[in-house]
Amino acid sequence: MIPSALTIAGSDSGGAAGLQADLRTFLTCGVHGLVAVTAVTVQNTLGVHDRADLPPHIVAGQIEAVAADMGVGAAKTGMLASAEIIHAVAAACDTAEIGRDAKIPFVVDPVAASMHGHPLFDEAGLVALRDELLPRATVLTPNLDEVRLLTGMTVKDREGMHTAAVVLHRMGPRYVLVKSGHLQADPECVDLLFDGSTFVELPGQRYPTPHTHGAGDTMASALTAGLAKGMSVVEAARYGKWFVSHAVEHAYPMGAKVGPVSAFWRLAPEER
């Protein structure tokens, strides 16, 4: 059987982030991708111009339908759009046995703002994210902007990442993976995994490219793919770091501003 993974996320019309990045990553990690669409965005490299959220019962129905028929090896969230959608996702995941204390691992990527700074849900959504999804998470994967939104902490160095990981772990996830891509002054890109007692550093090269759109989604979805393939959380986190490092290395320009990270490096060369 081919392993499967579910992304519960919004659609990016520019194809760089969101469920498009998740499905691209699942495919190139050898995992069948399942989808519960939460919202459709109107965006390109210049920003998010508009969006339409799906009805919460439709989001929940997608989760329940694929879990009941096709099976889910692991699941992840991306943009969840509203408190009402978060409530529906939490209930549907409980029904499908997705979550930190259930049989299916659950990666919560707390996407609260676009890379352009546009908020993707309001304060009620942020509260629902903290109260309902963080305690259900097998792994929480915030970047440093999301750390600030969830905790109020502004992280400026690796020591701050350690402190933030401890604070976030107290909110309920089994593991916290703090991503360091926004520490531009750090010559390396060292992410940090914490399980409540042990810190595991995930080192990586910092590549001199502005084209990083979709990097966070890509790492979280590669981690999810690893869990779907039966890896431990630590193994899956290392796998996700390995995958996204190559994706950033091979990132390419597209559009007027920030281009996407690439999954093309995983494709076999064409025969001539």
Protein backbone atom coordinates (compact mmCIF):
# COMPACT_ATOMS: atom_id res chain seq x y z
CA MET A 1 0.00 0.00 0.00
CA ILE A 2 1.14 3.53 -0.79
CA PRO A 3 1.15 5.64 2.40
CA SER A 4 -1.23 8.58 2.47
CA ALA A 5 -1.17 11.98 4.15
CA LEU A 6 -3.90 14.59 4.53
CA THR A 7 -3.46 18.35 4.24
CA ILE A 8 -6.14 20.59 5.74
CA ALA A 9 -5.24 23.90 4.13
CA GLY A 10 -6.05 26.80 1.86
CA SER A 11 -5.40 27.00 -1.87
CA ASP A 12 -2.72 29.34 -3.23
CA SER A 13 -3.51 30.57 -6.74
CA GLY A 14 0.20 31.27 -7.22
CA GLY A 15 1.02 27.60 -6.59
CA ALA A 16 3.91 28.33 -4.23
CA ALA A 17 2.43 27.66 -0.80
CA GLY A 18 -0.69 26.21 0.79
CA LEU A 19 -2.16 22.93 -0.31
CA GLN A 20 -0.30 23.14 -3.64
CA ALA A 21 3.04 23.05 -1.80
CA ASP A 22 1.79 20.26 0.44
CA LEU A 23 0.62 18.04 -2.42
CA ARG A 24 3.81 18.67 -4.39
CA THR A 25 5.86 17.68 -1.35
CA PHE A 26 3.76 14.60 -0.59
CA LEU A 27 4.16 13.41 -4.17
CA THR A 28 7.93 13.83 -4.27
CA CYS A 29 8.21 12.13 -0.87
CA GLY A 30 6.38 9.08 -2.21
CA VAL A 31 3.12 9.69 -0.33
CA HIS A 32 -0.41 9.92 -1.73
CA GLY A 33 -1.90 13.32 -0.92
CA LEU A 34 -5.42 13.79 0.43
CA VAL A 35 -6.99 17.25 0.75
CA ALA A 36 -9.49 19.12 2.87
CA VAL A 37 -9.69 22.60 1.35
CA THR A 38 -10.40 25.37 3.89
CA ALA A 39 -10.28 28.48 1.69
CA VAL A 40 -9.46 29.73 -1.79
CA THR A 41 -7.10 32.69 -1.94
CA VAL A 42 -6.52 35.21 -4.70
CA GLN A 43 -2.79 35.75 -4.52
CA ASN A 44 0.46 36.07 -6.40
CA THR A 45 3.97 37.14 -5.46
CA LEU A 46 2.68 40.67 -4.73
CA GLY A 47 0.31 39.59 -1.97
CA VAL A 48 -3.05 38.12 -1.00
CA HIS A 49 -5.74 40.16 -2.78
CA ASP A 50 -8.92 38.33 -1.77
CA ARG A 51 -10.17 35.06 -0.36
CA ALA A 52 -13.27 32.93 0.08
CA ASP A 53 -13.60 30.57 3.04
CA LEU A 54 -15.41 27.27 2.65
CA PRO A 55 -18.34 26.45 4.96
CA PRO A 56 -17.04 24.69 8.10
CA HIS A 57 -19.23 21.62 7.54
CA ILE A 58 -17.71 21.17 4.06
CA VAL A 59 -14.18 21.31 5.54
CA ALA A 60 -15.12 18.76 8.19
CA GLY A 61 -16.88 16.59 5.63
CA GLN A 62 -13.77 16.34 3.47
CA ILE A 63 -11.73 15.13 6.46
CA GLU A 64 -14.30 12.55 7.48
CA ALA A 65 -14.87 11.31 3.92
CA VAL A 66 -11.27 10.53 3.05
CA ALA A 67 -10.45 9.16 6.51
CA ALA A 68 -13.39 6.75 6.43
CA ASP A 69 -12.73 5.42 2.94
CA MET A 70 -9.06 5.85 2.01
CA GLY A 71 -7.29 5.97 5.35
CA VAL A 72 -4.89 8.64 6.60
CA GLY A 73 -1.32 7.85 7.63
CA ALA A 74 -0.69 11.35 9.02
CA ALA A 75 -2.35 14.75 8.75
CA LYS A 76 -1.30 18.38 8.81
CA THR A 77 -2.95 21.76 8.92
CA GLY A 78 -2.12 24.92 7.04
CA MET A 79 -4.32 28.00 6.76
CA LEU A 80 -7.55 27.38 8.70
CA ALA A 81 -9.16 30.77 8.02
CA SER A 82 -11.56 31.18 10.99
CA ALA A 83 -12.47 30.05 14.49
CA GLU A 84 -15.54 28.28 13.08
CA ILE A 85 -13.39 26.23 10.70
CA ILE A 86 -10.97 25.39 13.52
CA HIS A 87 -13.87 24.13 15.67
CA ALA A 88 -15.05 21.96 12.77
CA VAL A 89 -11.55 20.64 12.06
CA ALA A 90 -10.98 19.72 15.71
CA ALA A 91 -14.25 17.78 15.86
CA ALA A 92 -13.64 16.03 12.53
CA CYS A 93 -10.11 15.05 13.54
CA ASP A 94 -11.46 13.55 16.78
CA THR A 95 -13.95 11.50 14.75
CA ALA A 96 -11.19 10.35 12.38
CA GLU A 97 -8.81 9.54 15.26
CA ILE A 98 -6.32 12.21 14.20
CA GLY A 99 -4.33 13.83 17.01
CA ARG A 100 -1.52 13.54 19.52
CA ASP A 101 -3.39 11.03 21.71
CA ALA A 102 -5.07 9.24 18.80
CA LYS A 103 -3.71 6.71 16.30
CA ILE A 104 -2.96 9.17 13.45
CA PRO A 105 -0.15 11.74 13.93
CA PHE A 106 -1.23 15.38 13.58
CA VAL A 107 1.14 18.16 12.49
CA VAL A 108 -0.16 21.65 13.26
CA ASP A 109 1.51 24.30 11.12
CA PRO A 110 0.01 27.45 12.69
CA VAL A 111 -0.32 29.58 9.57
CA ALA A 112 -1.65 32.87 10.94
CA ALA A 113 -0.33 35.35 8.38
CA SER A 114 0.85 35.26 4.80
CA MET A 115 4.52 35.81 3.98
CA HIS A 116 3.49 39.33 2.96
CA GLY A 117 2.16 40.03 6.46
CA HIS A 118 -1.55 39.76 5.63
CA PRO A 119 -3.46 38.26 8.62
CA LEU A 120 -5.20 35.02 7.72
CA PHE A 121 -7.60 34.99 10.66
CA ASP A 122 -8.73 37.25 13.50
CA GLU A 123 -8.20 37.13 17.27
CA ALA A 124 -11.00 34.59 17.71
CA GLY A 125 -9.21 32.31 15.26
CA LEU A 126 -5.94 32.70 17.13
CA VAL A 127 -7.63 31.80 20.43
CA ALA A 128 -9.26 28.74 18.84
CA LEU A 129 -5.90 27.69 17.41
CA ARG A 130 -4.26 27.92 20.83
CA ASP A 131 -7.07 26.29 22.77
CA GLU A 132 -8.24 23.58 20.40
CA LEU A 133 -5.46 22.57 18.03
CA LEU A 134 -2.24 22.99 20.00
CA PRO A 135 -3.34 20.42 22.64
CA ARG A 136 -4.22 18.01 19.80
CA ALA A 137 -0.89 18.40 17.98
CA THR A 138 1.66 15.64 17.70
CA VAL A 139 4.06 18.27 16.33
CA LEU A 140 3.65 22.05 16.28
CA THR A 141 5.79 23.75 13.60
CA PRO A 142 5.82 27.56 14.02
CA ASN A 143 8.15 30.02 12.37
CA LEU A 144 9.31 32.96 14.46
CA ASP A 145 6.44 35.25 13.39
CA GLU A 146 4.00 32.55 14.47
CA VAL A 147 5.89 32.14 17.76
CA ARG A 148 5.26 35.84 18.41
CA LEU A 149 1.55 35.56 17.58
CA LEU A 150 1.10 32.50 19.80
CA THR A 151 3.22 33.58 22.78
CA GLY A 152 3.89 37.32 22.49
CA MET A 153 7.63 36.57 22.46
CA THR A 154 9.97 38.17 19.93
CA VAL A 155 12.76 35.66 19.26
CA LYS A 156 16.06 37.17 18.17
CA ASP A 157 18.56 34.34 18.69
CA ARG A 158 18.93 30.61 19.32
CA GLU A 159 18.62 31.06 23.09
CA GLY A 160 15.25 32.70 22.49
CA MET A 161 14.20 29.72 20.38
CA HIS A 162 14.87 27.42 23.33
CA THR A 163 12.74 29.58 25.61
CA ALA A 164 9.94 29.78 23.05
CA ALA A 165 9.94 26.01 22.57
CA VAL A 166 9.43 25.49 26.31
CA VAL A 167 6.58 28.03 26.44
CA LEU A 168 4.87 26.51 23.40
CA HIS A 169 5.24 22.97 24.72
CA ARG A 170 3.29 23.99 27.83
CA MET A 171 0.35 24.80 25.52
CA GLY A 172 -0.16 21.11 24.82
CA PRO A 173 1.64 19.74 21.74
CA ARG A 174 3.70 16.60 22.19
CA TYR A 175 6.60 18.09 20.21
CA VAL A 176 7.44 21.65 19.20
CA LEU A 177 9.59 22.36 16.14
CA VAL A 178 10.65 26.02 16.09
CA LYS A 179 11.85 27.03 12.62
CA SER A 180 14.77 29.46 12.36
CA GLY A 181 14.48 30.74 8.81
CA HIS A 182 13.71 34.28 10.00
CA LEU A 183 16.94 34.57 12.04
CA GLN A 184 18.65 36.31 9.14
CA ALA A 185 21.68 37.34 11.25
CA ASP A 186 22.49 33.70 12.02
CA PRO A 187 24.93 32.29 9.41
CA GLU A 188 23.32 28.85 9.78
CA CYS A 189 19.68 27.77 9.74
CA VAL A 190 19.32 25.60 12.85
CA ASP A 191 15.76 24.52 13.70
CA LEU A 192 14.92 23.23 17.16
CA LEU A 193 12.79 20.22 18.15
CA PHE A 194 11.63 19.88 21.78
CA ASP A 195 9.60 17.11 23.44
CA GLY A 196 9.32 18.59 26.92
CA SER A 197 12.67 17.28 28.15
CA THR A 198 15.13 16.99 25.26
CA PHE A 199 16.19 19.52 22.63
CA VAL A 200 17.26 18.23 19.22
CA GLU A 201 18.99 20.66 16.87
CA LEU A 202 18.36 20.32 13.14
CA PRO A 203 21.24 22.14 11.44
CA GLY A 204 21.18 23.33 7.88
CA GLN A 205 22.88 25.70 5.50
CA ARG A 206 21.45 29.20 5.04
CA TYR A 207 21.22 29.80 1.29
CA PRO A 208 21.58 33.33 -0.12
CA THR A 209 18.25 33.42 -1.96
CA PRO A 210 15.21 35.66 -1.57
CA HIS A 211 12.98 32.95 -3.04
CA THR A 212 11.55 31.17 0.00
CA HIS A 213 7.79 31.22 -0.62
CA GLY A 214 6.29 27.98 0.66
CA ALA A 215 9.32 26.91 2.69
CA GLY A 216 7.38 26.50 5.92
CA ASP A 217 4.58 24.54 4.26
CA THR A 218 7.14 22.36 2.51
CA MET A 219 9.00 21.46 5.68
CA ALA A 220 5.80 20.68 7.60
CA SER A 221 4.44 18.55 4.76
CA ALA A 222 7.72 16.63 4.36
CA LEU A 223 7.66 15.96 8.10
CA THR A 224 4.05 14.78 7.75
CA ALA A 225 5.05 12.53 4.86
CA GLY A 226 7.77 11.03 7.02
CA LEU A 227 5.27 10.26 9.77
CA ALA A 228 2.91 8.71 7.20
CA LYS A 229 5.77 6.43 6.13
CA GLY A 230 6.23 5.21 9.70
CA MET A 231 9.13 7.36 10.88
CA SER A 232 9.46 8.49 14.47
CA VAL A 233 8.92 12.21 15.13
CA VAL A 234 12.66 12.84 15.40
CA GLU A 235 13.34 10.92 12.17
CA ALA A 236 10.49 12.73 10.39
CA ALA A 237 11.75 16.13 11.59
CA ARG A 238 15.22 15.37 10.22
CA TYR A 239 13.62 14.19 6.98
CA GLY A 240 11.61 17.41 6.72
CA LYS A 241 14.73 19.50 7.33
CA TRP A 242 16.65 17.56 4.69
CA PHE A 243 13.85 18.00 2.16
CA VAL A 244 13.27 21.73 2.68
CA SER A 245 17.00 22.49 2.69
CA HIS A 246 17.28 21.09 -0.83
CA ALA A 247 14.05 22.86 -1.83
CA VAL A 248 15.46 26.23 -0.74
CA GLU A 249 18.79 25.47 -2.40
CA HIS A 250 16.96 24.96 -5.72
CA ALA A 251 14.42 27.79 -5.31
CA TYR A 252 13.70 29.82 -8.41
CA PRO A 253 12.34 33.27 -9.33
CA MET A 254 8.78 33.61 -10.56
CA GLY A 255 6.66 36.73 -10.69
CA ALA A 256 7.59 40.20 -9.48
CA LYS A 257 8.73 39.36 -5.94
CA VAL A 258 9.45 36.22 -3.89
CA GLY A 259 9.55 32.99 -5.87
CA PRO A 260 8.84 29.46 -4.61
CA VAL A 261 11.08 26.85 -3.10
CA SER A 262 11.46 23.92 -5.47
CA ALA A 263 10.51 20.27 -5.45
CA PHE A 264 12.04 19.78 -8.90
CA TRP A 265 15.27 18.53 -7.35
CA ARG A 266 13.43 15.30 -6.50
CA LEU A 267 12.46 14.59 -10.12
CA ALA A 268 14.35 12.08 -12.22
CA PRO A 269 16.16 13.58 -15.21
CA GLU A 270 14.41 13.12 -18.51
CA GLU A 271 15.88 10.63 -20.93
CA ARG A 272 17.00 12.18 -24.21
